[in-house]
């Protein structure tokens, strides 16, 4: 890998974002990022809390130009939990935001519109070993942990993704991405920050979280439209109107995508649904078309082992998942290593149990909950929280008995109106335990 790599190797006239329906050119973007970089402190760690995705892109580029790592803590939705952590771990941390941040414990630097006219100064190449971002795990099962992201590794990952999904120059027209995931989460960061910097991609600046926002974005974006989303959002989208202009492709990550859901989206939207596998530790490393493939194909340049990935710029990265290696470099996911449940001398993964629960007729959402003392207390058993309007707990248990060994049937099954999923569809353990205890 080269010792230094460009921050933005794209022609000046290309669009890098669509802001309020208008294209933001690479030249205009460079001007905004250069002006913001000049206002940043000499040293620091940046926390991006911008709501406008193009402002997040400007904020990241400015921080990289200044030599400041950007802390990826999940964005505005998780700011109340993440900012105290950032302040404690990084005394020089500051916030980049395009709206007020009430009660912020860190200095706030405003990210706003373009500066007066003129051209941006030349941008230097960025040392490949410089830490450009620090990704934090969601903390759904404990305190969040930090993972350093050198610039060279981020560029290699973006190039691999662009190759896999046909987003390089010469692969076709400009791709316009609408995303339901925050730019400050690793998945959203890779697809809506790094890809526009390194590939032939422009992002929709406006937040597209609710189904109406997504449909409106797909309607106004030009060219080859790609939706970057999660299974949680796909379920919500399927319950509403179909898009007037279908995307060229849908990309999903953050949680397992059921084949039935992927198939329903493909039929209704007439677009392929592609699934990404990755982790905060390693970033995105593989993909598949869910309706056609059970196994995963690693990105170009990435090799997989039974519980690790060999990633350019990072080396060997241990994963939290167990993998089954296949003969053609592909692999199957066996489930989280930490999620193996042992009961009555038998073993199962939480992923398998949750999939069985989701397959029961009438279940819209559900999750098994493992007690903290399962391995120490012989009398401890699993419980489950289930969203199934119009169905009884007895109905759900009957469906589970047909699918699971009796040892894994939940001792307590509680019907709830909704599970406490965050913006990415994840279920923080503390929220599950609080709901279970009500």
Protein backbone atom coordinates (compact mmCIF):
# COMPACT_ATOMS: atom_id res chain seq x y z
CA UNK A 1 0.00 0.00 0.00
CA UNK A 2 1.22 3.51 -0.86
CA UNK A 3 2.60 5.60 1.99
CA UNK A 4 0.10 8.40 1.25
CA UNK A 5 -3.26 8.36 -0.52
CA UNK A 6 -5.55 11.10 -1.88
CA UNK A 7 -8.46 12.28 0.22
CA UNK A 8 -10.67 12.91 -2.81
CA UNK A 9 -9.44 11.49 -6.15
CA UNK A 10 -12.48 12.65 -8.16
CA UNK A 11 -13.02 15.18 -10.99
CA UNK A 12 -13.94 18.70 -9.82
CA UNK A 13 -17.18 18.84 -11.80
CA UNK A 14 -18.74 15.61 -10.53
CA UNK A 15 -21.52 15.68 -7.94
CA UNK A 16 -20.56 14.35 -4.52
CA UNK A 17 -23.92 15.07 -2.86
CA UNK A 18 -27.44 16.28 -3.55
CA UNK A 19 -28.39 19.05 -1.12
CA UNK A 20 -31.95 20.41 -1.23
CA UNK A 21 -32.37 18.77 -4.60
CA UNK A 22 -29.31 20.42 -6.14
CA UNK A 23 -25.94 18.79 -6.88
CA UNK A 24 -22.96 19.75 -4.74
CA UNK A 25 -19.88 19.49 -6.95
CA UNK A 26 -16.53 18.15 -5.85
CA UNK A 27 -15.08 21.66 -6.33
CA UNK A 28 -17.74 23.25 -4.09
CA UNK A 29 -17.30 20.51 -1.52
CA UNK A 30 -13.54 21.07 -1.42
CA UNK A 31 -14.14 24.75 -0.78
CA UNK A 32 -16.47 24.02 2.16
CA UNK A 33 -14.16 21.41 3.70
CA UNK A 34 -11.08 23.64 3.36
CA UNK A 35 -12.86 26.58 5.01
CA UNK A 36 -14.03 24.40 7.90
CA UNK A 37 -10.57 22.86 8.35
CA UNK A 38 -9.13 26.36 8.77
CA UNK A 39 -11.50 26.96 11.71
CA UNK A 40 -10.62 23.77 13.59
CA UNK A 41 -8.25 23.72 16.59
CA UNK A 42 -4.63 22.70 16.14
CA UNK A 43 -5.21 19.35 17.86
CA UNK A 44 -8.29 17.37 18.67
CA UNK A 45 -10.70 14.51 18.14
CA UNK A 46 -13.90 15.36 16.27
CA UNK A 47 -17.40 14.08 17.04
CA UNK A 48 -19.74 14.52 14.07
CA UNK A 49 -23.34 15.28 15.06
CA UNK A 50 -24.51 16.76 11.77
CA UNK A 51 -28.02 15.90 10.62
CA UNK A 52 -27.39 16.85 6.99
CA UNK A 53 -25.33 14.03 5.48
CA UNK A 54 -23.41 16.38 3.17
CA UNK A 55 -22.36 18.35 6.27
CA UNK A 56 -21.11 15.10 7.81
CA UNK A 57 -19.05 14.56 4.66
CA UNK A 58 -17.62 18.09 4.93
CA UNK A 59 -16.93 17.59 8.64
CA UNK A 60 -15.01 14.36 8.07
CA UNK A 61 -12.93 15.76 5.23
CA UNK A 62 -12.07 18.88 7.27
CA UNK A 63 -11.03 16.79 10.27
CA UNK A 64 -8.85 14.54 8.11
CA UNK A 65 -7.19 17.57 6.52
CA UNK A 66 -6.46 18.88 10.02
CA UNK A 67 -5.14 15.51 11.17
CA UNK A 68 -7.95 14.89 13.67
CA UNK A 69 -9.53 11.43 14.05
CA UNK A 70 -13.33 11.41 13.85
CA UNK A 71 -15.08 9.50 16.64
CA UNK A 72 -17.93 7.36 15.27
CA UNK A 73 -20.40 7.04 18.11
CA UNK A 74 -23.70 6.60 16.29
CA UNK A 75 -24.75 10.22 15.66
CA UNK A 76 -27.35 12.48 17.22
CA UNK A 77 -29.64 9.66 18.39
CA UNK A 78 -27.00 8.29 20.74
CA UNK A 79 -25.28 11.57 21.59
CA UNK A 80 -26.50 11.73 25.19
CA UNK A 81 -24.79 8.40 25.92
CA UNK A 82 -21.71 8.85 23.73
CA UNK A 83 -20.62 12.44 24.45
CA UNK A 84 -19.69 11.80 28.12
CA UNK A 85 -17.61 8.83 26.94
CA UNK A 86 -15.87 10.98 24.33
CA UNK A 87 -15.21 13.75 26.85
CA UNK A 88 -13.71 11.30 29.35
CA UNK A 89 -11.50 9.42 26.88
CA UNK A 90 -10.40 12.36 24.73
CA UNK A 91 -9.85 15.63 26.63
CA UNK A 92 -9.30 17.51 23.34
CA UNK A 93 -12.57 16.29 21.77
CA UNK A 94 -14.99 18.72 20.16
CA UNK A 95 -18.30 18.47 18.29
CA UNK A 96 -19.03 19.36 14.68
CA UNK A 97 -22.76 20.06 14.25
CA UNK A 98 -25.17 21.87 11.94
CA UNK A 99 -27.79 22.46 14.67
CA UNK A 100 -27.68 23.28 18.41
CA UNK A 101 -26.64 20.45 20.74
CA UNK A 102 -28.36 21.17 24.09
CA UNK A 103 -26.33 20.26 27.16
CA UNK A 104 -23.26 19.30 25.14
CA UNK A 105 -20.24 18.71 27.44
CA UNK A 106 -17.82 19.48 24.57
CA UNK A 107 -17.03 22.61 22.53
CA UNK A 108 -19.29 22.85 19.46
CA UNK A 109 -18.08 24.10 16.06
CA UNK A 110 -20.82 24.95 13.61
CA UNK A 111 -20.84 23.30 10.17
CA UNK A 112 -22.81 25.53 7.82
CA UNK A 113 -22.97 26.54 4.18
CA UNK A 114 -20.35 27.41 1.63
CA UNK A 115 -17.84 30.23 2.30
CA UNK A 116 -17.42 33.19 -0.06
CA UNK A 117 -16.17 32.43 -3.58
CA UNK A 118 -12.72 31.32 -4.51
CA UNK A 119 -10.94 28.03 -5.02
CA UNK A 120 -9.84 25.64 -2.31
CA UNK A 121 -6.10 25.33 -1.77
CA UNK A 122 -4.45 22.09 -2.99
CA UNK A 123 -5.09 19.15 -0.71
CA UNK A 124 -2.14 17.04 0.44
CA UNK A 125 -2.28 13.27 0.26
CA UNK A 126 -3.06 11.61 3.59
CA UNK A 127 -0.53 9.23 5.19
CA UNK A 128 -1.90 5.71 4.94
CA UNK A 129 -1.08 4.97 8.57
CA UNK A 130 -2.79 8.07 10.00
CA UNK A 131 -5.80 7.26 12.19
CA UNK A 132 -8.68 8.95 10.39
CA UNK A 133 -11.57 7.49 12.39
CA UNK A 134 -12.21 5.61 15.61
CA UNK A 135 -15.28 3.37 15.48
CA UNK A 136 -17.07 2.48 18.70
CA UNK A 137 -19.21 -0.60 19.11
CA UNK A 138 -22.86 0.00 19.92
CA UNK A 139 -22.37 -1.03 23.53
CA UNK A 140 -25.56 -3.11 23.28
CA UNK A 141 -24.05 -5.78 25.54
CA UNK A 142 -21.75 -3.58 27.64
CA UNK A 143 -19.40 -0.60 27.48
CA UNK A 144 -18.53 0.48 23.91
CA UNK A 145 -15.03 -0.42 22.72
CA UNK A 146 -12.90 1.62 20.32
CA UNK A 147 -11.43 0.41 17.00
CA UNK A 148 -8.81 2.50 15.21
CA UNK A 149 -9.22 3.04 11.46
CA UNK A 150 -6.07 4.07 9.54
CA UNK A 151 -6.67 6.08 6.37
CA UNK A 152 -5.14 3.37 4.17
CA UNK A 153 -7.50 0.73 5.54
CA UNK A 154 -10.54 2.97 4.96
CA UNK A 155 -9.49 3.65 1.36
CA UNK A 156 -8.85 -0.04 0.67
CA UNK A 157 -12.30 -0.93 2.04
CA UNK A 158 -13.99 1.74 -0.08
CA UNK A 159 -12.19 0.56 -3.21
CA UNK A 160 -13.17 -3.05 -2.51
CA UNK A 161 -16.83 -2.10 -2.00
CA UNK A 162 -16.83 0.05 -5.13
CA UNK A 163 -15.45 -2.89 -7.10
CA UNK A 164 -18.01 -5.34 -5.66
CA UNK A 165 -21.04 -3.10 -6.29
CA UNK A 166 -19.96 -1.56 -9.61
CA UNK A 167 -19.42 2.00 -8.35
CA UNK A 168 -16.05 2.78 -9.95
CA UNK A 169 -15.56 5.20 -12.81
CA UNK A 170 -16.28 3.24 -15.95
CA UNK A 171 -18.82 0.94 -14.26
CA UNK A 172 -21.80 3.04 -15.33
CA UNK A 173 -23.45 6.38 -14.55
CA UNK A 174 -23.06 8.20 -11.25
CA UNK A 175 -24.68 6.28 -8.40
CA UNK A 176 -26.96 8.33 -6.10
CA UNK A 177 -27.27 6.86 -2.59
CA UNK A 178 -30.15 7.39 -0.20
CA UNK A 179 -29.52 5.91 3.24
CA UNK A 180 -31.59 5.24 6.35
CA UNK A 181 -28.51 4.63 8.52
CA UNK A 182 -26.54 7.44 10.21
CA UNK A 183 -23.24 8.55 8.73
CA UNK A 184 -21.69 8.19 12.19
CA UNK A 185 -22.22 4.42 12.36
CA UNK A 186 -19.55 2.23 10.71
CA UNK A 187 -21.93 0.88 8.05
CA UNK A 188 -23.28 4.31 7.22
CA UNK A 189 -19.81 5.83 7.38
CA UNK A 190 -18.40 3.35 4.87
CA UNK A 191 -21.30 3.69 2.42
CA UNK A 192 -22.15 7.41 2.65
CA UNK A 193 -18.84 9.03 3.64
CA UNK A 194 -15.99 6.90 2.30
CA UNK A 195 -17.69 5.81 -0.94
CA UNK A 196 -18.46 9.38 -2.10
CA UNK A 197 -14.85 10.34 -1.36
CA UNK A 198 -13.35 7.43 -3.29
CA UNK A 199 -15.92 6.19 -5.85
CA UNK A 200 -18.37 7.51 -8.44
CA UNK A 201 -21.05 8.13 -5.84
CA UNK A 202 -23.16 11.07 -4.67
CA UNK A 203 -25.23 11.00 -1.48
CA UNK A 204 -28.64 12.39 -0.63
CA UNK A 205 -28.00 15.02 2.07
CA UNK A 206 -31.42 15.07 3.70
CA UNK A 207 -32.22 12.58 6.44
CA UNK A 208 -34.18 9.61 5.05
CA UNK A 209 -35.29 7.66 8.09
CA UNK A 210 -39.06 7.28 7.73
CA UNK A 211 -40.68 5.45 4.78
CA UNK A 212 -42.06 8.68 3.33
CA UNK A 213 -38.58 10.22 3.40
CA UNK A 214 -37.12 7.22 1.58
CA UNK A 215 -39.78 7.23 -1.14
CA UNK A 216 -39.37 10.98 -1.65
CA UNK A 217 -35.58 10.64 -1.93
CA UNK A 218 -35.85 7.83 -4.47
CA UNK A 219 -38.26 9.99 -6.46
CA UNK A 220 -36.02 13.08 -6.64
CA UNK A 221 -32.56 11.52 -6.96
CA UNK A 222 -31.27 11.25 -10.53
CA UNK A 223 -29.60 8.37 -12.32
CA UNK A 224 -28.68 5.07 -10.72
CA UNK A 225 -30.37 5.18 -7.30
CA UNK A 226 -29.18 2.87 -4.51
CA UNK A 227 -30.89 2.49 -1.13
CA UNK A 228 -28.61 1.72 1.83
CA UNK A 229 -30.73 0.46 4.70
CA UNK A 230 -31.45 -2.23 7.32
CA UNK A 231 -33.91 -5.13 7.66
CA UNK A 232 -35.87 -3.06 10.19
CA UNK A 233 -36.41 -0.29 7.66
CA UNK A 234 -37.17 -2.74 4.84
CA UNK A 235 -40.04 -4.22 6.87
CA UNK A 236 -41.46 -0.75 7.42
CA UNK A 237 -41.07 0.14 3.75
CA UNK A 238 -42.88 -3.01 2.62
CA UNK A 239 -45.89 -2.12 4.76
CA UNK A 240 -46.40 1.13 2.82
CA UNK A 241 -46.48 2.32 -0.75
CA UNK A 242 -44.09 1.01 -3.37
CA UNK A 243 -41.64 3.60 -4.73
CA UNK A 244 -42.73 5.38 -7.87
CA UNK A 245 -39.15 5.03 -9.11
CA UNK A 246 -37.55 1.81 -7.94
CA UNK A 247 -33.87 1.84 -6.97
CA UNK A 248 -31.28 0.08 -9.07
CA UNK A 249 -30.29 -1.91 -5.99
CA UNK A 250 -30.93 -2.20 -2.25
CA UNK A 251 -28.06 -2.79 0.19
CA UNK A 252 -28.80 -4.07 3.70
CA UNK A 253 -26.70 -4.64 6.83
CA UNK A 254 -26.58 -4.35 10.68
CA UNK A 255 -28.81 -7.40 11.27
CA UNK A 256 -29.50 -10.72 9.53
CA UNK A 257 -31.78 -10.30 6.52
CA UNK A 258 -34.44 -12.99 6.18
CA UNK A 259 -34.59 -14.53 2.71
CA UNK A 260 -38.37 -14.11 2.67
CA UNK A 261 -38.05 -10.37 3.34
CA UNK A 262 -35.38 -9.97 0.65
CA UNK A 263 -37.55 -11.87 -1.83
CA UNK A 264 -40.58 -9.69 -1.06
CA UNK A 265 -38.56 -6.53 -1.64
CA UNK A 266 -37.13 -7.84 -4.92
CA UNK A 267 -40.57 -8.76 -6.25
CA UNK A 268 -42.25 -5.53 -5.21
CA UNK A 269 -39.43 -3.12 -6.06
CA UNK A 270 -37.99 -5.04 -9.02
CA UNK A 271 -34.47 -4.47 -7.69
CA UNK A 272 -31.77 -6.84 -6.38
CA UNK A 273 -31.27 -6.90 -2.60
CA UNK A 274 -27.62 -7.21 -1.61
CA UNK A 275 -26.51 -7.92 1.94
CA UNK A 276 -23.24 -6.81 3.56
CA UNK A 277 -21.45 -8.66 6.33
CA UNK A 278 -19.08 -6.73 8.56
CA UNK A 279 -18.22 -5.64 12.09
CA UNK A 280 -16.95 -2.52 13.83
CA UNK A 281 -13.58 -4.22 14.28
CA UNK A 282 -12.99 -5.04 10.61
CA UNK A 283 -15.50 -2.94 8.68
CA UNK A 284 -17.43 -4.48 5.79
CA UNK A 285 -15.72 -7.62 4.49
CA UNK A 286 -18.19 -9.64 2.41
CA UNK A 287 -21.52 -9.59 0.60
CA UNK A 288 -24.18 -11.80 -0.94
CA UNK A 289 -27.47 -11.62 -2.81
CA UNK A 290 -29.67 -13.01 -0.08
CA UNK A 291 -32.37 -14.64 -2.22
CA UNK A 292 -29.77 -16.63 -4.19
CA UNK A 293 -26.97 -17.39 -1.73
CA UNK A 294 -26.62 -18.83 1.73
CA UNK A 295 -22.87 -18.23 1.78
CA UNK A 296 -20.85 -15.01 1.69
CA UNK A 297 -18.20 -13.88 -0.81
CA UNK A 298 -15.33 -11.84 0.68
CA UNK A 299 -14.52 -8.46 -0.84
CA UNK A 300 -11.52 -8.30 -3.20
CA UNK A 301 -8.30 -8.39 -1.21
CA UNK A 302 -9.91 -9.84 1.94
CA UNK A 303 -9.37 -13.39 3.20
CA UNK A 304 -11.43 -15.06 5.92
CA UNK A 305 -10.60 -17.55 8.64
CA UNK A 306 -12.84 -19.44 11.07
CA UNK A 307 -13.11 -16.48 13.45
CA UNK A 308 -11.05 -13.72 11.82
CA UNK A 309 -10.65 -11.58 8.71
CA UNK A 310 -7.40 -10.59 6.99
CA UNK A 311 -8.05 -6.95 6.08
CA UNK A 312 -5.74 -4.65 4.05
CA UNK A 313 -4.37 -1.95 6.31
CA UNK A 314 -5.53 -3.70 9.48
CA UNK A 315 -4.01 -7.18 9.27
CA UNK A 316 -5.67 -10.10 11.05
CA UNK A 317 -8.81 -8.93 12.85
CA UNK A 318 -10.60 -11.25 15.28
CA UNK A 319 -14.36 -11.45 14.76
CA UNK A 320 -17.15 -12.13 17.19
CA UNK A 321 -18.76 -14.61 14.79
CA UNK A 322 -17.89 -18.23 14.10
CA UNK A 323 -17.49 -18.98 10.39
CA UNK A 324 -17.63 -22.18 8.36
CA UNK A 325 -15.05 -21.95 5.58
CA UNK A 326 -16.04 -23.35 2.18
CA UNK A 327 -13.79 -24.61 -0.60
CA UNK A 328 -14.28 -21.63 -2.97
CA UNK A 329 -13.15 -18.92 -0.47
CA UNK A 330 -16.76 -18.35 0.53
CA UNK A 331 -18.00 -18.87 4.07
CA UNK A 332 -21.16 -19.39 6.08
CA UNK A 333 -22.04 -17.60 9.30
CA UNK A 334 -22.55 -19.94 12.25
CA UNK A 335 -23.58 -17.23 14.73
CA UNK A 336 -22.02 -15.05 17.38
CA UNK A 337 -19.41 -16.90 19.42
CA UNK A 338 -20.72 -15.20 22.56
CA UNK A 339 -24.33 -16.10 21.68
CA UNK A 340 -24.02 -19.88 21.96
CA UNK A 341 -26.62 -21.06 24.48
CA UNK A 342 -26.07 -24.30 26.40
CA UNK A 343 -29.05 -25.95 28.09
CA UNK A 344 -29.55 -29.54 29.19
CA UNK A 345 -26.33 -30.61 27.52
CA UNK A 346 -27.47 -29.15 24.20
CA UNK A 347 -26.24 -26.14 22.22
CA UNK A 348 -27.95 -23.55 20.01
CA UNK A 349 -27.15 -20.05 18.86
CA UNK A 350 -29.34 -17.08 19.69
CA UNK A 351 -29.47 -16.33 15.98
CA UNK A 352 -31.04 -19.74 15.29
CA UNK A 353 -33.54 -19.30 18.11
CA UNK A 354 -34.55 -15.82 16.97
CA UNK A 355 -34.95 -17.01 13.38
CA UNK A 356 -37.24 -19.82 14.59
CA UNK A 357 -39.29 -17.28 16.52
CA UNK A 358 -39.55 -15.00 13.48
CA UNK A 359 -40.84 -17.94 11.39
CA UNK A 360 -43.86 -18.51 13.66
CA UNK A 361 -47.05 -17.34 11.97
CA UNK A 362 -48.17 -13.92 13.19
CA UNK A 363 -44.85 -12.89 14.72
CA UNK A 364 -43.82 -9.44 13.47
CA UNK A 365 -40.77 -9.13 15.73
CA UNK A 366 -39.31 -11.08 18.60
CA UNK A 367 -36.19 -11.94 20.56
CA UNK A 368 -35.00 -14.51 23.07
CA UNK A 369 -33.49 -13.13 26.26
CA UNK A 370 -30.73 -15.03 28.06
CA UNK A 371 -30.53 -14.58 31.85
CA UNK A 372 -27.20 -13.46 33.26
CA UNK A 373 -26.91 -16.57 35.44
CA UNK A 374 -27.73 -19.15 32.76
CA UNK A 375 -24.39 -20.96 33.07
CA UNK A 376 -24.27 -20.83 36.88
CA UNK A 377 -27.91 -21.54 37.75
CA UNK A 378 -29.20 -25.02 36.74
CA UNK A 379 -32.79 -23.75 37.07
CA UNK A 380 -32.30 -20.73 34.78
CA UNK A 381 -34.18 -20.74 31.48
CA UNK A 382 -34.65 -18.53 28.45
CA UNK A 383 -37.44 -16.00 28.07
CA UNK A 384 -38.80 -14.22 25.00
CA UNK A 385 -40.32 -10.87 24.06
CA UNK A 386 -42.64 -11.04 21.07
CA UNK A 387 -44.60 -8.62 18.90
CA UNK A 388 -47.54 -10.60 17.46
CA UNK A 389 -50.81 -8.62 17.24
CA UNK A 390 -53.86 -10.85 17.48
CA UNK A 391 -51.92 -13.91 18.65
CA UNK A 392 -51.68 -15.36 22.14
CA UNK A 393 -48.60 -16.54 24.00
CA UNK A 394 -49.96 -20.08 23.72
CA UNK A 395 -50.15 -19.74 19.93
CA UNK A 396 -46.52 -18.64 19.77
CA UNK A 397 -45.32 -21.41 22.06
CA UNK A 398 -47.16 -23.99 19.96
CA UNK A 399 -45.35 -22.72 16.87
CA UNK A 400 -42.01 -22.85 18.68
CA UNK A 401 -42.57 -26.44 19.85
CA UNK A 402 -42.66 -27.48 16.20
CA UNK A 403 -39.30 -25.82 15.53
CA UNK A 404 -37.17 -26.07 18.70
CA UNK A 405 -35.87 -28.64 21.11
CA UNK A 406 -37.92 -28.44 24.33
CA UNK A 407 -34.81 -27.36 26.26
CA UNK A 408 -34.82 -24.03 24.44
CA UNK A 409 -38.50 -23.16 24.76
CA UNK A 410 -38.91 -19.90 26.72
CA UNK A 411 -40.13 -20.35 30.27
CA UNK A 412 -41.71 -16.91 30.05
CA UNK A 413 -43.05 -15.45 26.80
CA UNK A 414 -44.29 -11.90 27.00
CA UNK A 415 -46.27 -10.16 24.25
CA UNK A 416 -45.32 -6.51 23.79
CA UNK A 417 -46.35 -3.71 21.43
CA UNK A 418 -42.80 -3.11 20.15
CA UNK A 419 -39.21 -4.06 20.89
CA UNK A 420 -36.82 -1.28 22.00
CA UNK A 421 -34.78 -1.23 18.80
CA UNK A 422 -32.45 1.68 18.12
CA UNK A 423 -32.14 3.52 14.79
CA UNK A 424 -30.10 0.63 13.35
CA UNK A 425 -32.49 -2.07 14.49
CA UNK A 426 -30.22 -3.27 17.30
CA UNK A 427 -31.53 -4.25 20.74
CA UNK A 428 -29.47 -2.90 23.67
CA UNK A 429 -29.46 -5.49 26.43
CA UNK A 430 -30.29 -3.00 29.18
CA UNK A 431 -33.43 -1.96 27.25
CA UNK A 432 -34.50 -5.60 26.81
CA UNK A 433 -34.07 -6.33 30.51
CA UNK A 434 -36.01 -3.19 31.43
CA UNK A 435 -38.88 -4.18 29.13
CA UNK A 436 -38.86 -7.74 30.40
CA UNK A 437 -39.03 -6.53 34.01
CA UNK A 438 -42.09 -4.30 33.52
